[in-house]
C-alpha atoms as a PDB file:
ATOM      1  CA  MET A   1      31.196  52.522  15.012  1.00  0.00           C
ATOM      2  CA  ARG A   2      29.792  56.007  14.573  1.00  0.00           C
ATOM      3  CA  MET A   3      29.513  57.715  11.194  1.00  0.00           C
ATOM      4  CA  GLY A   4      32.136  60.328  12.077  1.00  0.00           C
ATOM      5  CA  THR A   5      34.760  57.655  12.635  1.00  0.00           C
ATOM      6  CA  GLU A   6      33.880  55.938   9.377  1.00  0.00           C
ATOM      7  CA  MET A   7      34.153  59.160   7.411  1.00  0.00           C
ATOM      8  CA  LYS A   8      37.627  59.786   8.786  1.00  0.00           C
ATOM      9  CA  MET A   9      38.708  56.267   7.901  1.00  0.00           C
ATOM     10  CA  TRP A  10      37.601  56.719   4.326  1.00  0.00           C
ATOM     11  CA  ALA A  11      39.110  60.139   3.674  1.00  0.00           C
ATOM     12  CA  LEU A  12      39.906  60.798   0.033  1.00  0.00           C
ATOM     13  CA  VAL A  13      43.572  60.746  -0.890  1.00  0.00           C
ATOM     14  CA  PRO A  14      45.556  63.809  -2.043  1.00  0.00           C
ATOM     15  CA  ARG A  15      45.227  65.044  -5.599  1.00  0.00           C
ATOM     16  CA  GLY A  16      48.560  63.515  -6.611  1.00  0.00           C
ATOM     17  CA  ARG A  17      46.812  60.322  -7.704  1.00  0.00           C
ATOM     18  CA  LYS A  18      46.635  59.951 -11.472  1.00  0.00           C
ATOM     19  CA  VAL A  19      44.433  57.880 -13.761  1.00  0.00           C
ATOM     20  CA  LYS A  20      45.254  56.705 -17.261  1.00  0.00           C
ATOM     21  CA  PRO A  21      42.817  58.651 -19.503  1.00  0.00           C
ATOM     22  CA  ASP A  22      42.920  56.216 -22.423  1.00  0.00           C
ATOM     23  CA  GLY A  23      41.566  53.167 -20.586  1.00  0.00           C
ATOM     24  CA  LEU A  24      39.756  51.826 -17.526  1.00  0.00           C
ATOM     25  CA  THR A  25      41.514  51.312 -14.198  1.00  0.00           C
ATOM     26  CA  LEU A  26      40.703  48.367 -11.956  1.00  0.00           C
ATOM     27  CA  TYR A  27      41.023  48.987  -8.199  1.00  0.00           C
ATOM     28  CA  PRO A  28      40.909  45.438  -6.750  1.00  0.00           C
ATOM     29  CA  VAL A  29      40.257  44.892  -3.052  1.00  0.00           C
ATOM     30  CA  GLU A  30      40.146  42.145  -0.438  1.00  0.00           C
ATOM     31  CA  ARG A  31      40.461  38.409  -1.107  1.00  0.00           C
ATOM     32  CA  LEU A  32      40.771  36.343  -4.252  1.00  0.00           C
ATOM     33  CA  GLY A  33      37.066  35.868  -5.012  1.00  0.00           C
ATOM     34  CA  ASN A  34      36.355  39.594  -4.819  1.00  0.00           C
ATOM     35  CA  GLN A  35      39.421  40.366  -6.912  1.00  0.00           C
ATOM     36  CA  LEU A  36      38.207  38.003  -9.633  1.00  0.00           C
ATOM     37  CA  PHE A  37      34.738  39.570  -9.828  1.00  0.00           C
ATOM     38  CA  ALA A  38      36.148  43.101 -10.040  1.00  0.00           C
ATOM     39  CA  TYR A  39      38.705  41.989 -12.625  1.00  0.00           C
ATOM     40  CA  ALA A  40      36.086  40.364 -14.840  1.00  0.00           C
ATOM     41  CA  ALA A  41      33.765  43.380 -14.671  1.00  0.00           C
ATOM     42  CA  ALA A  42      36.536  45.869 -15.487  1.00  0.00           C
ATOM     43  CA  PHE A  43      38.129  43.727 -18.184  1.00  0.00           C
ATOM     44  CA  ALA A  44      34.806  43.131 -19.935  1.00  0.00           C
ATOM     45  CA  GLN A  45      33.931  46.842 -19.952  1.00  0.00           C
ATOM     46  CA  ALA A  46      37.389  47.679 -21.318  1.00  0.00           C
ATOM     47  CA  ARG A  47      36.789  45.164 -24.103  1.00  0.00           C
ATOM     48  CA  ARG A  48      33.433  46.776 -24.931  1.00  0.00           C
ATOM     49  CA  LEU A  49      35.190  50.125 -25.226  1.00  0.00           C
ATOM     50  CA  SER A  50      38.221  48.651 -27.049  1.00  0.00           C
ATOM     51  CA  VAL A  51      40.572  50.310 -24.550  1.00  0.00           C
ATOM     52  CA  PRO A  52      43.349  49.033 -22.237  1.00  0.00           C
ATOM     53  CA  CYS A  53      42.532  47.831 -18.732  1.00  0.00           C
ATOM     54  CA  TYR A  54      44.971  49.152 -16.117  1.00  0.00           C
ATOM     55  CA  VAL A  55      45.316  48.067 -12.493  1.00  0.00           C
ATOM     56  CA  ASN A  56      45.927  50.170  -9.380  1.00  0.00           C
ATOM     57  CA  LYS A  57      47.434  47.930  -6.659  1.00  0.00           C
ATOM     58  CA  ALA A  58      47.342  50.506  -3.866  1.00  0.00           C
ATOM     59  CA  TYR A  59      45.014  48.449  -1.681  1.00  0.00           C
ATOM     60  CA  TYR A  60      47.731  45.804  -1.304  1.00  0.00           C
ATOM     61  CA  ASP A  61      50.810  48.035  -1.296  1.00  0.00           C
ATOM     62  CA  TYR A  62      49.604  50.817   1.003  1.00  0.00           C
ATOM     63  CA  VAL A  63      48.657  49.915   4.567  1.00  0.00           C
ATOM     64  CA  HIS A  64      46.957  52.642   6.578  1.00  0.00           C
ATOM     65  CA  PRO A  65      47.241  52.323  10.381  1.00  0.00           C
ATOM     66  CA  VAL A  66      43.449  51.971  10.654  1.00  0.00           C
ATOM     67  CA  ARG A  67      43.579  48.766   8.627  1.00  0.00           C
ATOM     68  CA  SER A  68      44.493  45.825  10.868  1.00  0.00           C
ATOM     69  CA  PHE A  69      44.311  43.203   8.103  1.00  0.00           C
ATOM     70  CA  HIS A  70      46.415  42.480   5.054  1.00  0.00           C
ATOM     71  CA  TYR A  71      45.542  40.675   1.831  1.00  0.00           C
ATOM     72  CA  GLU A  72      47.650  39.770  -1.176  1.00  0.00           C
ATOM     73  CA  TYR A  73      47.146  40.861  -4.767  1.00  0.00           C
ATOM     74  CA  GLU A  74      46.581  37.552  -6.575  1.00  0.00           C
ATOM     75  CA  LEU A  75      45.565  38.339 -10.142  1.00  0.00           C
ATOM     76  CA  ASP A  76      49.058  37.911 -11.586  1.00  0.00           C
ATOM     77  CA  ILE A  77      48.830  34.129 -11.275  1.00  0.00           C
ATOM     78  CA  PHE A  78      47.001  33.932 -14.617  1.00  0.00           C
ATOM     79  CA  ASP A  79      47.224  35.623 -18.024  1.00  0.00           C
ATOM     80  CA  ASN A  80      45.080  38.568 -16.958  1.00  0.00           C
ATOM     81  CA  GLY A  81      45.805  41.026 -19.784  1.00  0.00           C
ATOM     82  CA  LEU A  82      46.048  43.928 -17.327  1.00  0.00           C
ATOM     83  CA  ILE A  83      48.574  46.750 -17.572  1.00  0.00           C
ATOM     84  CA  SER A  84      50.273  47.830 -14.350  1.00  0.00           C
ATOM     85  CA  PRO A  85      51.744  51.328 -14.855  1.00  0.00           C
ATOM     86  CA  PRO A  86      55.310  51.566 -13.490  1.00  0.00           C
ATOM     87  CA  GLU A  87      54.853  55.049 -12.000  1.00  0.00           C
ATOM     88  CA  ASN A  88      53.843  55.224  -8.320  1.00  0.00           C
ATOM     89  CA  VAL A  89      51.329  58.015  -8.961  1.00  0.00           C
ATOM     90  CA  TYR A  90      49.093  55.447 -10.643  1.00  0.00           C
ATOM     91  CA  HIS A  91      49.150  53.247  -7.528  1.00  0.00           C
ATOM     92  CA  LEU A  92      48.046  55.695  -4.852  1.00  0.00           C
ATOM     93  CA  PRO A  93      44.990  54.699  -2.787  1.00  0.00           C
ATOM     94  CA  VAL A  94      41.611  56.150  -3.648  1.00  0.00           C
ATOM     95  CA  PHE A  95      40.701  55.946   0.046  1.00  0.00           C
ATOM     96  CA  LEU A  96      42.883  55.728   3.124  1.00  0.00           C
ATOM     97  CA  GLY A  97      41.936  52.733   5.236  1.00  0.00           C
ATOM     98  CA  TYR A  98      39.503  51.097   2.799  1.00  0.00           C
ATOM     99  CA  PRO A  99      36.700  49.803   5.028  1.00  0.00           C
ATOM    100  CA  ALA A 100      36.630  46.051   4.600  1.00  0.00           C
ATOM    101  CA  ARG A 101      34.535  45.821   7.758  1.00  0.00           C
ATOM    102  CA  SER A 102      31.516  44.764   5.722  1.00  0.00           C
ATOM    103  CA  ALA A 103      29.956  45.188   2.311  1.00  0.00           C
ATOM    104  CA  ARG A 104      26.979  46.896   3.937  1.00  0.00           C
ATOM    105  CA  LEU A 105      29.100  49.661   5.480  1.00  0.00           C
ATOM    106  CA  TRP A 106      30.865  50.090   2.156  1.00  0.00           C
ATOM    107  CA  HIS A 107      27.664  50.463   0.138  1.00  0.00           C
ATOM    108  CA  ASN A 108      25.870  52.616   2.707  1.00  0.00           C
ATOM    109  CA  HIS A 109      28.570  55.188   3.411  1.00  0.00           C
ATOM    110  CA  VAL A 110      31.439  55.303   0.933  1.00  0.00           C
ATOM    111  CA  PRO A 111      29.519  56.274  -2.252  1.00  0.00           C
ATOM    112  CA  SER A 112      28.427  59.513  -0.588  1.00  0.00           C
ATOM    113  CA  LEU A 113      32.070  60.597  -0.573  1.00  0.00           C
ATOM    114  CA  VAL A 114      32.618  60.030  -4.262  1.00  0.00           C
ATOM    115  CA  PRO A 115      30.394  62.442  -6.271  1.00  0.00           C
ATOM    116  CA  GLY A 116      32.617  65.429  -5.526  1.00  0.00           C
ATOM    117  CA  ARG A 117      35.417  63.782  -7.464  1.00  0.00           C
ATOM    118  CA  GLY A 118      33.531  64.037 -10.732  1.00  0.00           C
ATOM    119  CA  LYS A 119      33.310  61.106 -13.127  1.00  0.00           C
ATOM    120  CA  SER A 120      36.784  59.675 -12.510  1.00  0.00           C
ATOM    121  CA  ILE A 121      35.508  56.974 -10.128  1.00  0.00           C
ATOM    122  CA  PHE A 122      32.672  54.505 -10.663  1.00  0.00           C
ATOM    123  CA  MET A 123      31.366  52.659  -7.640  1.00  0.00           C
ATOM    124  CA  GLU A 124      28.492  50.214  -7.356  1.00  0.00           C
ATOM    125  CA  HIS A 125      25.813  51.423  -4.942  1.00  0.00           C
ATOM    126  CA  SER A 126      24.544  48.036  -3.763  1.00  0.00           C
ATOM    127  CA  PHE A 127      25.261  44.340  -3.975  1.00  0.00           C
ATOM    128  CA  GLY A 128      22.703  43.965  -6.755  1.00  0.00           C
ATOM    129  CA  TYR A 129      23.553  44.205 -10.446  1.00  0.00           C
ATOM    130  CA  ASP A 130      24.208  47.842 -11.372  1.00  0.00           C
ATOM    131  CA  ARG A 131      23.555  48.397 -15.052  1.00  0.00           C
ATOM    132  CA  ARG A 132      25.293  51.792 -14.988  1.00  0.00           C
ATOM    133  CA  LEU A 133      28.644  50.049 -15.280  1.00  0.00           C
ATOM    134  CA  HIS A 134      28.031  49.533 -18.999  1.00  0.00           C
ATOM    135  CA  ASP A 135      27.919  53.322 -19.476  1.00  0.00           C
ATOM    136  CA  VAL A 136      31.342  53.918 -17.912  1.00  0.00           C
ATOM    137  CA  GLY A 137      33.916  55.468 -20.253  1.00  0.00           C
ATOM    138  CA  PRO A 138      37.735  55.713 -20.447  1.00  0.00           C
ATOM    139  CA  GLY A 139      39.576  57.518 -17.670  1.00  0.00           C
ATOM    140  CA  THR A 140      37.484  55.884 -14.941  1.00  0.00           C
ATOM    141  CA  THR A 141      38.578  53.867 -11.905  1.00  0.00           C
ATOM    142  CA  LEU A 142      36.223  50.994 -11.026  1.00  0.00           C
ATOM    143  CA  ILE A 143      35.748  50.084  -7.357  1.00  0.00           C
ATOM    144  CA  GLY A 144      33.341  47.508  -5.986  1.00  0.00           C
ATOM    145  CA  TYR A 145      32.386  43.874  -5.613  1.00  0.00           C
ATOM    146  CA  PHE A 146      30.511  43.448  -8.931  1.00  0.00           C
ATOM    147  CA  GLN A 147      29.241  40.010  -7.957  1.00  0.00           C
ATOM    148  CA  SER A 148      27.054  39.118 -10.921  1.00  0.00           C
ATOM    149  CA  TRP A 149      27.715  37.183 -14.105  1.00  0.00           C
ATOM    150  CA  ARG A 150      25.749  39.885 -15.942  1.00  0.00           C
ATOM    151  CA  TYR A 151      28.670  42.319 -15.692  1.00  0.00           C
ATOM    152  CA  PHE A 152      30.930  40.216 -17.896  1.00  0.00           C
ATOM    153  CA  ASP A 153      29.225  37.182 -19.426  1.00  0.00           C
ATOM    154  CA  ASP A 154      29.295  38.674 -22.941  1.00  0.00           C
ATOM    155  CA  HIS A 155      33.094  38.334 -22.691  1.00  0.00           C
ATOM    156  CA  GLY A 156      32.980  35.191 -20.585  1.00  0.00           C
ATOM    157  CA  ALA A 157      34.778  32.992 -23.118  1.00  0.00           C
ATOM    158  CA  GLU A 158      37.904  35.166 -23.103  1.00  0.00           C
ATOM    159  CA  ILE A 159      37.799  35.629 -19.330  1.00  0.00           C
ATOM    160  CA  ARG A 160      37.590  31.867 -18.783  1.00  0.00           C
ATOM    161  CA  ALA A 161      40.404  31.253 -21.242  1.00  0.00           C
ATOM    162  CA  ARG A 162      42.654  33.819 -19.566  1.00  0.00           C
ATOM    163  CA  MET A 163      41.943  32.514 -16.085  1.00  0.00           C
ATOM    164  CA  SER A 164      42.731  28.984 -17.243  1.00  0.00           C
ATOM    165  CA  ARG A 165      46.237  29.991 -18.349  1.00  0.00           C
ATOM    166  CA  LEU A 166      48.386  29.949 -15.227  1.00  0.00           C
ATOM    167  CA  THR A 167      51.588  31.959 -15.496  1.00  0.00           C
ATOM    168  CA  LYS A 168      53.591  29.438 -13.468  1.00  0.00           C
ATOM    169  CA  PRO A 169      51.614  26.353 -12.366  1.00  0.00           C
ATOM    170  CA  SER A 170      53.009  24.482  -9.384  1.00  0.00           C
ATOM    171  CA  ASP A 171      54.023  20.830  -9.450  1.00  0.00           C
ATOM    172  CA  TRP A 172      51.136  20.106  -7.084  1.00  0.00           C
ATOM    173  CA  TYR A 173      48.632  21.630  -9.502  1.00  0.00           C
ATOM    174  CA  ARG A 174      50.069  19.701 -12.440  1.00  0.00           C
ATOM    175  CA  GLU A 175      49.807  16.449 -10.504  1.00  0.00           C
ATOM    176  CA  MET A 176      46.269  17.066  -9.237  1.00  0.00           C
ATOM    177  CA  SER A 177      44.977  18.274 -12.608  1.00  0.00           C
ATOM    178  CA  GLU A 178      45.825  14.839 -14.015  1.00  0.00           C
ATOM    179  CA  LYS A 179      43.632  13.248 -11.340  1.00  0.00           C
ATOM    180  CA  ILE A 180      40.645  15.590 -11.713  1.00  0.00           C
ATOM    181  CA  GLU A 181      40.260  15.294 -15.455  1.00  0.00           C
ATOM    182  CA  PRO A 182      37.225  16.668 -17.343  1.00  0.00           C
ATOM    183  CA  GLY A 183      35.146  13.884 -18.833  1.00  0.00           C
ATOM    184  CA  THR A 184      35.839  11.328 -16.102  1.00  0.00           C
ATOM    185  CA  GLY A 185      32.716  12.021 -14.046  1.00  0.00           C
ATOM    186  CA  ALA A 186      34.682  13.443 -11.112  1.00  0.00           C
ATOM    187  CA  ILE A 187      32.770  15.384  -8.455  1.00  0.00           C
ATOM    188  CA  VAL A 188      34.131  18.108  -6.175  1.00  0.00           C
ATOM    189  CA  MET A 189      32.348  19.498  -3.130  1.00  0.00           C
ATOM    190  CA  HIS A 190      33.613  22.828  -1.797  1.00  0.00           C
ATOM    191  CA  VAL A 191      32.837  23.279   1.893  1.00  0.00           C
ATOM    192  CA  ARG A 192      33.323  26.693   3.500  1.00  0.00           C
ATOM    193  CA  ARG A 193      33.676  26.771   7.267  1.00  0.00           C
ATOM    194  CA  GLY A 194      36.635  28.767   8.691  1.00  0.00           C
ATOM    195  CA  ASP A 195      35.604  32.405   9.075  1.00  0.00           C
ATOM    196  CA  TYR A 196      31.971  31.486   8.337  1.00  0.00           C
ATOM    197  CA  MET A 197      31.860  29.908  11.809  1.00  0.00           C
ATOM    198  CA  ARG A 198      32.271  33.291  13.519  1.00  0.00           C
ATOM    199  CA  PRO A 199      28.921  34.430  14.977  1.00  0.00           C
ATOM    200  CA  GLY A 200      28.593  37.695  13.041  1.00  0.00           C
ATOM    201  CA  THR A 201      29.793  36.205   9.766  1.00  0.00           C
ATOM    202  CA  ARG A 202      27.585  33.161  10.185  1.00  0.00           C
ATOM    203  CA  ASP A 203      24.551  35.363  10.808  1.00  0.00           C
ATOM    204  CA  PHE A 204      25.280  37.236   7.575  1.00  0.00           C
ATOM    205  CA  HIS A 205      26.319  34.383   5.267  1.00  0.00           C
ATOM    206  CA  GLY A 206      25.016  31.210   6.878  1.00  0.00           C
ATOM    207  CA  LEU A 207      26.350  27.702   6.221  1.00  0.00           C
ATOM    208  CA  ALA A 208      25.653  25.047   3.614  1.00  0.00           C
ATOM    209  CA  THR A 209      24.943  21.983   5.753  1.00  0.00           C
ATOM    210  CA  ARG A 210      25.924  18.343   5.452  1.00  0.00           C
ATOM    211  CA  ALA A 211      22.343  17.596   4.369  1.00  0.00           C
ATOM    212  CA  TYR A 212      22.791  19.958   1.396  1.00  0.00           C
ATOM    213  CA  TYR A 213      25.977  18.210   0.291  1.00  0.00           C
ATOM    214  CA  GLU A 214      24.451  14.749   0.717  1.00  0.00           C
ATOM    215  CA  ARG A 215      21.451  15.717  -1.379  1.00  0.00           C
ATOM    216  CA  ALA A 216      23.602  17.351  -4.059  1.00  0.00           C
ATOM    217  CA  LEU A 217      25.872  14.314  -4.238  1.00  0.00           C
ATOM    218  CA  SER A 218      22.841  12.049  -4.603  1.00  0.00           C
ATOM    219  CA  TYR A 219      21.523  14.181  -7.475  1.00  0.00           C
ATOM    220  CA  LEU A 220      24.839  14.073  -9.302  1.00  0.00           C
ATOM    221  CA  ARG A 221      25.039  10.291  -8.946  1.00  0.00           C
ATOM    222  CA  GLN A 222      21.520   9.980 -10.359  1.00  0.00           C
ATOM    223  CA  MET A 223      22.589  12.187 -13.284  1.00  0.00           C
ATOM    224  CA  GLY A 224      25.381   9.775 -14.175  1.00  0.00           C
ATOM    225  CA  PHE A 225      28.441  11.271 -12.505  1.00  0.00           C
ATOM    226  CA  HIS A 226      30.181   8.183 -11.145  1.00  0.00           C
ATOM    227  CA  GLY A 227      33.786   9.331 -10.856  1.00  0.00           C
ATOM    228  CA  PRO A 228      35.670   9.911  -7.595  1.00  0.00           C
ATOM    229  CA  THR A 229      34.321  12.460  -5.135  1.00  0.00           C
ATOM    230  CA  TYR A 230      36.714  15.103  -3.841  1.00  0.00           C
ATOM    231  CA  VAL A 231      36.281  17.565  -0.988  1.00  0.00           C
ATOM    232  CA  SER A 232      37.952  20.977  -0.822  1.00  0.00           C
ATOM    233  CA  THR A 233      37.632  22.892   2.425  1.00  0.00           C
ATOM    234  CA  ASP A 234      39.328  25.493   4.583  1.00  0.00           C
ATOM    235  CA  SER A 235      38.642  23.360   7.692  1.00  0.00           C
ATOM    236  CA  PRO A 236      39.628  19.745   6.869  1.00  0.00           C
ATOM    237  CA  ASP A 237      39.594  18.415  10.450  1.00  0.00           C
ATOM    238  CA  MET A 238      36.156  19.831  11.178  1.00  0.00           C
ATOM    239  CA  VAL A 239      34.651  18.742   7.864  1.00  0.00           C
ATOM    240  CA  SER A 240      36.138  15.231   7.898  1.00  0.00           C
ATOM    241  CA  GLU A 241      34.373  14.670  11.210  1.00  0.00           C
ATOM    242  CA  GLU A 242      31.181  16.358  10.007  1.00  0.00           C
ATOM    243  CA  PHE A 243      31.081  14.276   6.803  1.00  0.00           C
ATOM    244  CA  ALA A 244      31.880  10.926   8.440  1.00  0.00           C
ATOM    245  CA  GLY A 245      29.821   8.126   6.882  1.00  0.00           C
ATOM    246  CA  MET A 246      29.227   9.882   3.546  1.00  0.00           C
ATOM    247  CA  GLY A 247      31.128   7.252   1.591  1.00  0.00           C
ATOM    248  CA  GLU A 248      34.569   7.358   0.041  1.00  0.00           C
ATOM    249  CA  LEU A 249      35.773  10.935  -0.112  1.00  0.00           C
ATOM    250  CA  LEU A 250      39.131  12.145  -1.408  1.00  0.00           C
ATOM    251  CA  TRP A 251      40.540  15.291   0.158  1.00  0.00           C
ATOM    252  CA  ILE A 252      42.157  18.090  -1.811  1.00  0.00           C
ATOM    253  CA  ASP A 253      45.110  19.028   0.373  1.00  0.00           C
ATOM    254  CA  PRO A 254      47.281  21.763  -1.154  1.00  0.00           C
ATOM    255  CA  PRO A 255      50.748  22.171   0.377  1.00  0.00           C
ATOM    256  CA  PRO A 256      51.519  25.323   2.396  1.00  0.00           C
ATOM    257  CA  GLY A 257      52.097  28.339   0.203  1.00  0.00           C
ATOM    258  CA  THR A 258      49.873  27.139  -2.644  1.00  0.00           C
ATOM    259  CA  ASN A 259      48.170  30.027  -4.382  1.00  0.00           C
ATOM    260  CA  PRO A 260      44.424  29.652  -3.696  1.00  0.00           C
ATOM    261  CA  PHE A 261      43.612  30.312  -7.345  1.00  0.00           C
ATOM    262  CA  GLU A 262      45.216  26.981  -8.237  1.00  0.00           C
ATOM    263  CA  VAL A 263      42.596  25.336  -6.026  1.00  0.00           C
ATOM    264  CA  VAL A 264      39.832  27.300  -7.778  1.00  0.00           C
ATOM    265  CA  LEU A 265      41.134  26.173 -11.156  1.00  0.00           C
ATOM    266  CA  LEU A 266      41.394  22.589  -9.949  1.00  0.00           C
ATOM    267  CA  LEU A 267      37.766  22.643  -8.795  1.00  0.00           C
ATOM    268  CA  SER A 268      36.743  24.002 -12.192  1.00  0.00           C
ATOM    269  CA  ARG A 269      37.927  20.769 -13.831  1.00  0.00           C
ATOM    270  CA  ALA A 270      35.316  18.596 -12.093  1.00  0.00           C
ATOM    271  CA  ASP A 271      32.348  17.433 -14.177  1.00  0.00           C
ATOM    272  CA  GLY A 272      30.090  17.832 -11.154  1.00  0.00           C
ATOM    273  CA  LEU A 273      30.667  20.736  -8.763  1.00  0.00           C
ATOM    274  CA  VAL A 274      28.839  21.372  -5.503  1.00  0.00           C
ATOM    275  CA  THR A 275      29.592  24.919  -4.385  1.00  0.00           C
ATOM    276  CA  ALA A 276      29.464  26.612  -1.024  1.00  0.00           C
ATOM    277  CA  ASN A 277      27.868  30.054  -0.686  1.00  0.00           C
ATOM    278  CA  SER A 278      31.312  31.456  -1.411  1.00  0.00           C
ATOM    279  CA  SER A 279      32.807  33.461  -4.271  1.00  0.00           C
ATOM    280  CA  PHE A 280      35.722  30.995  -4.178  1.00  0.00           C
ATOM    281  CA  SER A 281      33.698  28.065  -5.509  1.00  0.00           C
ATOM    282  CA  TRP A 282      31.444  30.379  -7.545  1.00  0.00           C
ATOM    283  CA  TRP A 283      34.469  31.034  -9.728  1.00  0.00           C
ATOM    284  CA  ALA A 284      35.249  27.343  -9.944  1.00  0.00           C
ATOM    285  CA  GLY A 285      31.760  26.944 -11.355  1.00  0.00           C
ATOM    286  CA  TYR A 286      32.062  29.812 -13.819  1.00  0.00           C
ATOM    287  CA  ILE A 287      35.556  29.093 -15.140  1.00  0.00           C
ATOM    288  CA  GLY A 288      34.737  25.444 -15.785  1.00  0.00           C
ATOM    289  CA  GLU A 289      31.621  26.196 -17.856  1.00  0.00           C
ATOM    290  CA  ARG A 290      31.223  23.555 -20.586  1.00  0.00           C
ATOM    291  CA  ALA A 291      28.730  21.098 -22.041  1.00  0.00           C
ATOM    292  CA  ALA A 292      27.804  18.023 -19.982  1.00  0.00           C
ATOM    293  CA  ARG A 293      28.865  19.707 -16.736  1.00  0.00           C
ATOM    294  CA  THR A 294      26.628  20.386 -13.759  1.00  0.00           C
ATOM    295  CA  VAL A 295      27.029  22.983 -11.011  1.00  0.00           C
ATOM    296  CA  ILE A 296      24.889  22.880  -7.878  1.00  0.00           C
ATOM    297  CA  ALA A 297      24.768  25.941  -5.615  1.00  0.00           C
ATOM    298  CA  PRO A 298      23.093  26.487  -2.224  1.00  0.00           C
ATOM    299  CA  ARG A 299      20.083  28.676  -1.653  1.00  0.00           C
ATOM    300  CA  PRO A 300      19.726  31.075  -0.054  1.00  0.00           C
ATOM    301  CA  TRP A 301      23.203  32.443  -0.714  1.00  0.00           C
ATOM    302  CA  PHE A 302      22.952  34.838   2.251  1.00  0.00           C
ATOM    303  CA  SER A 303      21.220  34.510   5.594  1.00  0.00           C
ATOM    304  CA  ASN A 304      20.810  38.276   5.593  1.00  0.00           C
ATOM    305  CA  ARG A 305      17.476  38.828   3.828  1.00  0.00           C
ATOM    306  CA  GLU A 306      18.354  42.258   2.497  1.00  0.00           C
ATOM    307  CA  GLU A 307      21.516  40.988   0.804  1.00  0.00           C
ATOM    308  CA  GLU A 308      19.752  37.868  -0.450  1.00  0.00           C
ATOM    309  CA  MET A 309      17.148  40.015  -2.217  1.00  0.00           C
ATOM    310  CA  LYS A 310      19.952  41.903  -3.973  1.00  0.00           C
ATOM    311  CA  SER A 311      21.819  38.749  -5.011  1.00  0.00           C
ATOM    312  CA  ARG A 312      19.287  37.484  -7.554  1.00  0.00           C
ATOM    313  CA  ASP A 313      21.780  38.023 -10.375  1.00  0.00           C
ATOM    314  CA  LEU A 314      24.631  36.246  -8.623  1.00  0.00           C
ATOM    315  CA  VAL A 315      23.983  32.607  -9.558  1.00  0.00           C
ATOM    316  CA  PRO A 316      23.807  31.900 -13.319  1.00  0.00           C
ATOM    317  CA  PRO A 317      20.295  30.774 -14.299  1.00  0.00           C
ATOM    318  CA  HIS A 318      21.402  27.388 -15.676  1.00  0.00           C
ATOM    319  CA  TRP A 319      23.005  26.261 -12.403  1.00  0.00           C
ATOM    320  CA  LEU A 320      20.951  23.997 -10.176  1.00  0.00           C
ATOM    321  CA  THR A 321      20.171  25.227  -6.674  1.00  0.00           C
ATOM    322  CA  LEU A 322      19.271  23.246  -3.573  1.00  0.00           C
ATOM    323  CA  ASP A 323      18.188  24.377  -0.141  1.00  0.00           C
ATOM    324  CA  ARG A 324      21.348  24.658   1.905  1.00  0.00           C
ATOM    325  CA  ASP A 325      19.676  23.036   4.914  1.00  0.00           C
ATOM    326  CA  GLY A 326      18.795  19.979   2.850  1.00  0.00           C
ATOM    327  CA  TYR A 327      15.092  20.718   2.405  1.00  0.00           C
ATOM    328  CA  ILE A 328      13.280  20.886  -0.941  1.00  0.00           C
END
């Protein structure tokens, strides 16, 4: 895609869009994991400023013809503390056809469009931790991925507590949460396949292999986690075949229509968590933070070297990391 096409896709919206001047406005985008990171970053900064945190849902309510995909706004499933203004002028898109083609395109091209709008929009300029966020004041809309614990860990206790309070838990979640009970030594392995199997996506993200999960499971057993071992995956048929012979595994199988955040919260209850290189299980690790709990994450997180260099602040320093190919 040439630059000219990209610039047209990301044209700024008309001046009718309004921003609440007394607080920060969150502009969430894409899937659940990205929404959670942006929420935590915006909510924490609003707390530092002692101001309300508003949400602009335009990305999910306004579909530009250029955008061929559609995601759902999913933050209302927990006690998020956000304020959603009733007037439509507060839910107009900042950009028409937000470019969810890739994070790289977003970081390389979109920020150049923003400076002319003054200080009303704050946007991260790379995947790495951007300390400028802490200088943002009221009346600003926050847009970005914000994938680092450093954006919000000083308010992590409240964020975890809010995320743990589901607004309307399903019967399935209630039943499964009694099985995966903190303190029982239960282990959960999250295995991401699905879209990660596509050639371009796989080249960018890479896969955590069976050898990684076997090694992580062995470590957790040596550390004294002897409860049942569960597997959560977006590709159960593929992974059940791939993991054949790994011992007794129990499969987390949510019914159709289950909100994915319930699965995240369920994973957070495990005493031992083996994550994929995915924001989905990253949040399961972060929300479930507590004493006597161990989280193991794969390294590198990205196959793309440039993005991997920028992701040094993604994994909390007290998590264990293992080579995702099963090496040392």
